PDB file of N, CA and C in Angstrom:
ATOM      1  N   HIS A   1      48.046  -7.448 -70.928  1.00  0.00           N
ATOM      2  CA  HIS A   1      47.714  -6.666 -69.789  1.00  0.00           C
ATOM      3  C   HIS A   1      47.517  -5.172 -70.034  1.00  0.00           C
ATOM      4  N   ASP A   2      48.083  -4.788 -71.156  1.00  0.00           N
ATOM      5  CA  ASP A   2      47.900  -3.343 -71.516  1.00  0.00           C
ATOM      6  C   ASP A   2      46.413  -2.990 -71.750  1.00  0.00           C
ATOM      7  N   GLU A   3      45.556  -3.862 -72.237  1.00  0.00           N
ATOM      8  CA  GLU A   3      44.227  -3.613 -72.609  1.00  0.00           C
ATOM      9  C   GLU A   3      43.399  -3.504 -71.374  1.00  0.00           C
ATOM     10  N   ILE A   4      43.597  -4.438 -70.431  1.00  0.00           N
ATOM     11  CA  ILE A   4      42.681  -4.491 -69.215  1.00  0.00           C
ATOM     12  C   ILE A   4      43.400  -3.974 -68.005  1.00  0.00           C
ATOM     13  N   GLY A   5      44.684  -3.686 -67.983  1.00  0.00           N
ATOM     14  CA  GLY A   5      45.304  -3.104 -66.821  1.00  0.00           C
ATOM     15  C   GLY A   5      45.635  -4.100 -65.745  1.00  0.00           C
ATOM     16  N   ALA A   6      45.763  -5.368 -66.162  1.00  0.00           N
ATOM     17  CA  ALA A   6      46.039  -6.453 -65.151  1.00  0.00           C
ATOM     18  C   ALA A   6      47.357  -7.054 -65.473  1.00  0.00           C
ATOM     19  N   ILE A   7      47.887  -7.757 -64.441  1.00  0.00           N
ATOM     20  CA  ILE A   7      49.196  -8.423 -64.615  1.00  0.00           C
ATOM     21  C   ILE A   7      48.878  -9.914 -64.416  1.00  0.00           C
ATOM     22  N   SER A   8      49.506 -10.698 -65.262  1.00  0.00           N
ATOM     23  CA  SER A   8      49.324 -12.155 -65.143  1.00  0.00           C
ATOM     24  C   SER A   8      50.644 -12.819 -64.892  1.00  0.00           C
ATOM     25  N   LEU A   9      50.668 -14.049 -64.371  1.00  0.00           N
ATOM     26  CA  LEU A   9      51.812 -14.842 -64.135  1.00  0.00           C
ATOM     27  C   LEU A   9      51.554 -16.149 -64.764  1.00  0.00           C
ATOM     28  N   LEU A  10      52.527 -16.579 -65.681  1.00  0.00           N
ATOM     29  CA  LEU A  10      52.403 -17.697 -66.282  1.00  0.00           C
ATOM     30  C   LEU A  10      53.712 -18.628 -65.947  1.00  0.00           C
ATOM     31  N   VAL A  11      53.493 -19.735 -65.482  1.00  0.00           N
ATOM     32  CA  VAL A  11      54.497 -20.644 -65.113  1.00  0.00           C
ATOM     33  C   VAL A  11      54.673 -21.684 -66.144  1.00  0.00           C
ATOM     34  N   THR A  12      55.786 -21.733 -66.740  1.00  0.00           N
ATOM     35  CA  THR A  12      56.024 -22.632 -67.870  1.00  0.00           C
ATOM     36  C   THR A  12      57.570 -23.168 -68.041  1.00  0.00           C
ATOM     37  N   HIS A  13      57.664 -24.285 -68.546  1.00  0.00           N
ATOM     38  CA  HIS A  13      58.965 -24.790 -68.983  1.00  0.00           C
ATOM     39  C   HIS A  13      59.211 -24.630 -70.421  1.00  0.00           C
ATOM     40  N   ASP A  14      58.275 -24.045 -71.152  1.00  0.00           N
ATOM     41  CA  ASP A  14      58.364 -23.855 -72.630  1.00  0.00           C
ATOM     42  C   ASP A  14      58.859 -22.459 -72.880  1.00  0.00           C
ATOM     43  N   LEU A  15      60.088 -22.316 -73.350  1.00  0.00           N
ATOM     44  CA  LEU A  15      60.597 -21.114 -73.587  1.00  0.00           C
ATOM     45  C   LEU A  15      59.960 -20.391 -74.731  1.00  0.00           C
ATOM     46  N   THR A  16      59.488 -21.198 -75.697  1.00  0.00           N
ATOM     47  CA  THR A  16      58.705 -20.517 -76.996  1.00  0.00           C
ATOM     48  C   THR A  16      57.479 -19.901 -76.428  1.00  0.00           C
ATOM     49  N   ASP A  17      56.747 -20.478 -75.526  1.00  0.00           N
ATOM     50  CA  ASP A  17      55.518 -19.811 -74.875  1.00  0.00           C
ATOM     51  C   ASP A  17      55.892 -18.663 -74.150  1.00  0.00           C
ATOM     52  N   ALA A  18      57.102 -18.715 -73.366  1.00  0.00           N
ATOM     53  CA  ALA A  18      57.436 -17.541 -72.499  1.00  0.00           C
ATOM     54  C   ALA A  18      57.817 -16.399 -73.337  1.00  0.00           C
ATOM     55  N   PHE A  19      58.666 -16.614 -74.426  1.00  0.00           N
ATOM     56  CA  PHE A  19      59.074 -15.573 -75.402  1.00  0.00           C
ATOM     57  C   PHE A  19      57.870 -14.973 -76.109  1.00  0.00           C
ATOM     58  N   GLN A  20      56.796 -15.752 -76.461  1.00  0.00           N
ATOM     59  CA  GLN A  20      55.711 -15.198 -77.182  1.00  0.00           C
ATOM     60  C   GLN A  20      54.868 -14.405 -76.371  1.00  0.00           C
ATOM     61  N   ILE A  21      54.680 -14.787 -75.094  1.00  0.00           N
ATOM     62  CA  ILE A  21      53.787 -14.108 -74.177  1.00  0.00           C
ATOM     63  C   ILE A  21      54.272 -13.045 -73.284  1.00  0.00           C
ATOM     64  N   ALA A  22      55.465 -13.215 -72.762  1.00  0.00           N
ATOM     65  CA  ALA A  22      56.029 -12.425 -71.721  1.00  0.00           C
ATOM     66  C   ALA A  22      56.700 -11.117 -72.156  1.00  0.00           C
ATOM     67  N   ASP A  23      56.620 -10.153 -71.276  1.00  0.00           N
ATOM     68  CA  ASP A  23      57.392  -8.964 -71.493  1.00  0.00           C
ATOM     69  C   ASP A  23      58.698  -9.159 -70.468  1.00  0.00           C
ATOM     70  N   ARG A  24      58.502  -9.832 -69.444  1.00  0.00           N
ATOM     71  CA  ARG A  24      59.607 -10.122 -68.599  1.00  0.00           C
ATOM     72  C   ARG A  24      59.581 -11.576 -68.181  1.00  0.00           C
ATOM     73  N   ILE A  25      60.716 -12.210 -67.981  1.00  0.00           N
ATOM     74  CA  ILE A  25      60.803 -13.659 -67.646  1.00  0.00           C
ATOM     75  C   ILE A  25      61.705 -13.755 -66.449  1.00  0.00           C
ATOM     76  N   ALA A  26      61.332 -14.700 -65.451  1.00  0.00           N
ATOM     77  CA  ALA A  26      62.160 -14.936 -64.349  1.00  0.00           C
ATOM     78  C   ALA A  26      62.735 -16.312 -64.527  1.00  0.00           C
ATOM     79  N   VAL A  27      63.983 -16.504 -64.364  1.00  0.00           N
ATOM     80  CA  VAL A  27      64.788 -17.648 -64.445  1.00  0.00           C
ATOM     81  C   VAL A  27      65.046 -18.089 -63.086  1.00  0.00           C
ATOM     82  N   MET A  28      64.671 -19.444 -62.713  1.00  0.00           N
ATOM     83  CA  MET A  28      64.854 -19.921 -61.430  1.00  0.00           C
ATOM     84  C   MET A  28      65.826 -21.167 -61.533  1.00  0.00           C
ATOM     85  N   ARG A  29      66.491 -21.172 -60.352  1.00  0.00           N
ATOM     86  CA  ARG A  29      67.447 -22.394 -60.144  1.00  0.00           C
ATOM     87  C   ARG A  29      67.329 -22.811 -58.702  1.00  0.00           C
ATOM     88  N   ASP A  30      67.032 -24.055 -58.569  1.00  0.00           N
ATOM     89  CA  ASP A  30      66.683 -24.679 -57.160  1.00  0.00           C
ATOM     90  C   ASP A  30      65.815 -23.976 -56.372  1.00  0.00           C
ATOM     91  N   GLY A  31      64.675 -23.424 -57.080  1.00  0.00           N
ATOM     92  CA  GLY A  31      63.696 -22.690 -56.381  1.00  0.00           C
ATOM     93  C   GLY A  31      63.922 -21.240 -56.029  1.00  0.00           C
ATOM     94  N   VAL A  32      65.106 -20.670 -56.462  1.00  0.00           N
ATOM     95  CA  VAL A  32      65.438 -19.395 -56.270  1.00  0.00           C
ATOM     96  C   VAL A  32      65.517 -18.570 -57.582  1.00  0.00           C
ATOM     97  N   ILE A  33      64.971 -17.363 -57.646  1.00  0.00           N
ATOM     98  CA  ILE A  33      64.941 -16.569 -58.802  1.00  0.00           C
ATOM     99  C   ILE A  33      66.358 -16.064 -58.945  1.00  0.00           C
ATOM    100  N   VAL A  34      67.025 -16.305 -60.090  1.00  0.00           N
ATOM    101  CA  VAL A  34      68.427 -15.808 -60.364  1.00  0.00           C
ATOM    102  C   VAL A  34      68.413 -14.608 -61.313  1.00  0.00           C
ATOM    103  N   GLN A  35      67.484 -14.415 -62.148  1.00  0.00           N
ATOM    104  CA  GLN A  35      67.404 -13.229 -63.044  1.00  0.00           C
ATOM    105  C   GLN A  35      65.959 -13.039 -63.454  1.00  0.00           C
ATOM    106  N   VAL A  36      65.506 -11.751 -63.414  1.00  0.00           N
ATOM    107  CA  VAL A  36      64.302 -11.350 -63.884  1.00  0.00           C
ATOM    108  C   VAL A  36      64.540 -10.209 -64.973  1.00  0.00           C
ATOM    109  N   ASP A  37      64.130 -10.472 -66.179  1.00  0.00           N
ATOM    110  CA  ASP A  37      64.537  -9.425 -67.255  1.00  0.00           C
ATOM    111  C   ASP A  37      63.784  -9.671 -68.505  1.00  0.00           C
ATOM    112  N   THR A  38      63.896  -8.851 -69.488  1.00  0.00           N
ATOM    113  CA  THR A  38      63.313  -9.070 -70.707  1.00  0.00           C
ATOM    114  C   THR A  38      63.972 -10.271 -71.389  1.00  0.00           C
ATOM    115  N   PRO A  39      63.215 -10.848 -72.365  1.00  0.00           N
ATOM    116  CA  PRO A  39      63.884 -12.050 -73.066  1.00  0.00           C
ATOM    117  C   PRO A  39      65.146 -11.568 -73.681  1.00  0.00           C
ATOM    118  N   GLU A  40      65.137 -10.388 -74.325  1.00  0.00           N
ATOM    119  CA  GLU A  40      66.361  -9.973 -74.957  1.00  0.00           C
ATOM    120  C   GLU A  40      67.528  -9.829 -74.079  1.00  0.00           C
ATOM    121  N   ASN A  41      67.281  -9.158 -72.835  1.00  0.00           N
ATOM    122  CA  ASN A  41      68.335  -9.061 -71.963  1.00  0.00           C
ATOM    123  C   ASN A  41      68.873 -10.438 -71.257  1.00  0.00           C
ATOM    124  N   LEU A  42      67.941 -11.295 -71.124  1.00  0.00           N
ATOM    125  CA  LEU A  42      68.258 -12.617 -70.546  1.00  0.00           C
ATOM    126  C   LEU A  42      69.299 -13.294 -71.478  1.00  0.00           C
ATOM    127  N   ILE A  43      69.192 -13.209 -72.813  1.00  0.00           N
ATOM    128  CA  ILE A  43      69.966 -13.812 -73.862  1.00  0.00           C
ATOM    129  C   ILE A  43      71.259 -12.973 -73.927  1.00  0.00           C
ATOM    130  N   ASN A  44      71.178 -11.709 -74.050  1.00  0.00           N
ATOM    131  CA  ASN A  44      72.344 -10.850 -74.273  1.00  0.00           C
ATOM    132  C   ASN A  44      73.103 -10.382 -73.070  1.00  0.00           C
ATOM    133  N   HIS A  45      72.500 -10.415 -71.811  1.00  0.00           N
ATOM    134  CA  HIS A  45      73.175 -10.046 -70.633  1.00  0.00           C
ATOM    135  C   HIS A  45      72.844 -10.833 -69.417  1.00  0.00           C
ATOM    136  N   PRO A  46      73.203 -12.193 -69.676  1.00  0.00           N
ATOM    137  CA  PRO A  46      72.915 -13.099 -68.499  1.00  0.00           C
ATOM    138  C   PRO A  46      73.663 -12.763 -67.213  1.00  0.00           C
ATOM    139  N   VAL A  47      73.152 -12.945 -65.999  1.00  0.00           N
ATOM    140  CA  VAL A  47      73.866 -12.471 -64.864  1.00  0.00           C
ATOM    141  C   VAL A  47      74.852 -13.552 -64.375  1.00  0.00           C
ATOM    142  N   ASN A  48      74.727 -14.821 -65.002  1.00  0.00           N
ATOM    143  CA  ASN A  48      75.719 -15.886 -64.548  1.00  0.00           C
ATOM    144  C   ASN A  48      75.768 -16.961 -65.469  1.00  0.00           C
ATOM    145  N   SER A  49      76.611 -17.898 -65.393  1.00  0.00           N
ATOM    146  CA  SER A  49      76.751 -18.976 -66.307  1.00  0.00           C
ATOM    147  C   SER A  49      75.554 -19.851 -66.411  1.00  0.00           C
ATOM    148  N   PHE A  50      74.817 -19.986 -65.305  1.00  0.00           N
ATOM    149  CA  PHE A  50      73.613 -20.831 -65.427  1.00  0.00           C
ATOM    150  C   PHE A  50      72.587 -20.253 -66.361  1.00  0.00           C
ATOM    151  N   VAL A  51      72.356 -18.911 -66.274  1.00  0.00           N
ATOM    152  CA  VAL A  51      71.429 -18.310 -67.138  1.00  0.00           C
ATOM    153  C   VAL A  51      71.951 -18.248 -68.581  1.00  0.00           C
ATOM    154  N   GLU A  52      73.170 -18.092 -68.762  1.00  0.00           N
ATOM    155  CA  GLU A  52      73.818 -18.165 -70.110  1.00  0.00           C
ATOM    156  C   GLU A  52      73.722 -19.591 -70.795  1.00  0.00           C
ATOM    157  N   ASN A  53      74.006 -20.526 -69.988  1.00  0.00           N
ATOM    158  CA  ASN A  53      73.952 -22.048 -70.412  1.00  0.00           C
ATOM    159  C   ASN A  53      72.440 -22.268 -70.686  1.00  0.00           C
ATOM    160  N   PHE A  54      71.614 -21.841 -69.944  1.00  0.00           N
ATOM    161  CA  PHE A  54      70.106 -22.175 -70.040  1.00  0.00           C
ATOM    162  C   PHE A  54      69.697 -21.738 -71.404  1.00  0.00           C
ATOM    163  N   PHE A  55      70.044 -20.423 -71.710  1.00  0.00           N
ATOM    164  CA  PHE A  55      69.527 -19.992 -73.071  1.00  0.00           C
ATOM    165  C   PHE A  55      70.345 -20.366 -74.317  1.00  0.00           C
ATOM    166  N   THR A  56      71.672 -20.799 -74.005  1.00  0.00           N
ATOM    167  CA  THR A  56      72.403 -21.270 -75.202  1.00  0.00           C
ATOM    168  C   THR A  56      71.939 -22.690 -75.536  1.00  0.00           C
ATOM    169  N   SER A  57      71.290 -23.291 -74.676  1.00  0.00           N
ATOM    170  CA  SER A  57      70.828 -24.715 -74.844  1.00  0.00           C
ATOM    171  C   SER A  57      69.718 -24.864 -75.653  1.00  0.00           C
ATOM    172  N   VAL A  58      69.049 -23.672 -76.025  1.00  0.00           N
ATOM    173  CA  VAL A  58      67.813 -23.591 -76.934  1.00  0.00           C
ATOM    174  C   VAL A  58      68.243 -22.753 -78.196  1.00  0.00           C
ATOM    175  N   HIS A  59      67.286 -22.773 -79.109  1.00  0.00           N
ATOM    176  CA  HIS A  59      67.490 -21.922 -80.259  1.00  0.00           C
ATOM    177  C   HIS A  59      67.118 -20.512 -79.973  1.00  0.00           C
ATOM    178  N   HIS A  60      67.941 -19.876 -79.291  1.00  0.00           N
ATOM    179  CA  HIS A  60      67.588 -18.441 -78.717  1.00  0.00           C
ATOM    180  C   HIS A  60      67.455 -17.321 -79.833  1.00  0.00           C
ATOM    181  N   GLU A  61      68.118 -17.579 -81.032  1.00  0.00           N
ATOM    182  CA  GLU A  61      68.171 -16.575 -81.986  1.00  0.00           C
ATOM    183  C   GLU A  61      66.561 -16.453 -82.682  1.00  0.00           C
ATOM    184  N   ARG A  62      66.057 -17.682 -82.827  1.00  0.00           N
ATOM    185  CA  ARG A  62      64.681 -17.896 -83.390  1.00  0.00           C
ATOM    186  C   ARG A  62      63.720 -17.222 -82.263  1.00  0.00           C
ATOM    187  N   LEU A  63      64.046 -17.461 -80.976  1.00  0.00           N
ATOM    188  CA  LEU A  63      63.142 -16.982 -79.918  1.00  0.00           C
ATOM    189  C   LEU A  63      63.270 -15.377 -79.883  1.00  0.00           C
ATOM    190  N   LEU A  64      64.423 -14.971 -80.031  1.00  0.00           N
ATOM    191  CA  LEU A  64      64.614 -13.457 -80.026  1.00  0.00           C
ATOM    192  C   LEU A  64      63.863 -12.804 -81.186  1.00  0.00           C
ATOM    193  N   GLN A  65      64.052 -13.292 -82.324  1.00  0.00           N
ATOM    194  CA  GLN A  65      63.351 -12.848 -83.488  1.00  0.00           C
ATOM    195  C   GLN A  65      61.834 -12.821 -83.376  1.00  0.00           C
ATOM    196  N   GLU A  66      61.238 -13.884 -82.716  1.00  0.00           N
ATOM    197  CA  GLU A  66      59.770 -13.926 -82.493  1.00  0.00           C
ATOM    198  C   GLU A  66      59.439 -12.744 -81.454  1.00  0.00           C
ATOM    199  N   PHE A  67      60.260 -12.620 -80.371  1.00  0.00           N
ATOM    200  CA  PHE A  67      59.991 -11.664 -79.402  1.00  0.00           C
ATOM    201  C   PHE A  67      60.014 -10.116 -80.014  1.00  0.00           C
ATOM    202  N   ARG A  68      60.946 -10.023 -80.729  1.00  0.00           N
ATOM    203  CA  ARG A  68      61.171  -8.600 -81.492  1.00  0.00           C
ATOM    204  C   ARG A  68      59.862  -8.351 -82.422  1.00  0.00           C
ATOM    205  N   ALA A  69      59.530  -9.391 -83.124  1.00  0.00           N
ATOM    206  CA  ALA A  69      58.365  -9.197 -84.084  1.00  0.00           C
ATOM    207  C   ALA A  69      57.021  -8.943 -83.337  1.00  0.00           C
ATOM    208  N   ARG A  70      56.933  -9.684 -82.203  1.00  0.00           N
ATOM    209  CA  ARG A  70      55.761  -9.348 -81.246  1.00  0.00           C
ATOM    210  C   ARG A  70      55.762  -7.943 -80.745  1.00  0.00           C
ATOM    211  N   ARG A  71      56.948  -7.501 -80.375  1.00  0.00           N
ATOM    212  CA  ARG A  71      57.091  -6.187 -79.706  1.00  0.00           C
ATOM    213  C   ARG A  71      56.777  -5.144 -80.814  1.00  0.00           C
ATOM    214  N   ARG A  72      57.261  -5.312 -82.077  1.00  0.00           N
ATOM    215  CA  ARG A  72      57.043  -4.426 -83.108  1.00  0.00           C
ATOM    216  C   ARG A  72      55.583  -4.350 -83.526  1.00  0.00           C
ATOM    217  N   ALA A  73      54.933  -5.581 -83.538  1.00  0.00           N
ATOM    218  CA  ALA A  73      53.478  -5.616 -83.808  1.00  0.00           C
ATOM    219  C   ALA A  73      52.673  -4.876 -82.762  1.00  0.00           C
ATOM    220  N   ARG A  74      53.061  -4.987 -81.526  1.00  0.00           N
ATOM    221  CA  ARG A  74      52.307  -4.382 -80.550  1.00  0.00           C
ATOM    222  C   ARG A  74      52.411  -2.891 -80.491  1.00  0.00           C
ATOM    223  N   LYS A  75      53.564  -2.291 -81.088  1.00  0.00           N
ATOM    224  CA  LYS A  75      53.766  -0.891 -81.179  1.00  0.00           C
ATOM    225  C   LYS A  75      53.034  -0.281 -82.303  1.00  0.00           C
ATOM    226  N   THR A  76      52.676  -1.155 -83.281  1.00  0.00           N
ATOM    227  CA  THR A  76      51.997  -0.560 -84.559  1.00  0.00           C
ATOM    228  C   THR A  76      50.561  -0.820 -84.353  1.00  0.00           C
ATOM    229  N   GLU A  77      50.029  -1.754 -83.437  1.00  0.00           N
ATOM    230  CA  GLU A  77      48.560  -1.837 -83.297  1.00  0.00           C
ATOM    231  C   GLU A  77      47.905  -0.521 -82.758  1.00  0.00           C
ATOM    232  N   PRO A  78      46.696  -0.279 -83.284  1.00  0.00           N
ATOM    233  CA  PRO A  78      46.019   0.968 -82.813  1.00  0.00           C
ATOM    234  C   PRO A  78      45.644   0.653 -81.472  1.00  0.00           C
ATOM    235  N   SER A  79      45.585   1.826 -80.632  1.00  0.00           N
ATOM    236  CA  SER A  79      44.985   1.667 -79.166  1.00  0.00           C
ATOM    237  C   SER A  79      43.658   1.374 -79.260  1.00  0.00           C
ATOM    238  N   PRO A  80      43.059   0.588 -78.312  1.00  0.00           N
ATOM    239  CA  PRO A  80      41.669   0.402 -78.215  1.00  0.00           C
ATOM    240  C   PRO A  80      40.861   1.737 -77.847  1.00  0.00           C
ATOM    241  N   ASP A  81      41.582   2.708 -77.309  1.00  0.00           N
ATOM    242  CA  ASP A  81      41.008   3.868 -77.033  1.00  0.00           C
ATOM    243  C   ASP A  81      40.999   5.011 -78.236  1.00  0.00           C
ATOM    244  N   SER A  82      41.705   4.525 -79.296  1.00  0.00           N
ATOM    245  CA  SER A  82      41.791   5.481 -80.462  1.00  0.00           C
ATOM    246  C   SER A  82      40.488   5.416 -81.116  1.00  0.00           C
ATOM    247  N   PRO A  83      40.137   6.588 -81.798  1.00  0.00           N
ATOM    248  CA  PRO A  83      38.849   6.658 -82.647  1.00  0.00           C
ATOM    249  C   PRO A  83      39.058   5.977 -83.903  1.00  0.00           C
TER     250      PRO A  83
END
């Protein structure tokens, strides 16, 4: 969205996809959003036991490493506006 100035919404049950694509993720329970945050904060600072259990049920360390690598790569890429 940085390049074209648009926001997109991806609905998925695949956390790998969510962590690779999203800057922020919403976690829902019974149709209600219980936390919206960065992938890192969802894992490190869950708002309740549901969110905590949700992320401890997957390989969250690998997901966090991928998220951090993507964020670093994004910071080092030249801007499309740069000469």
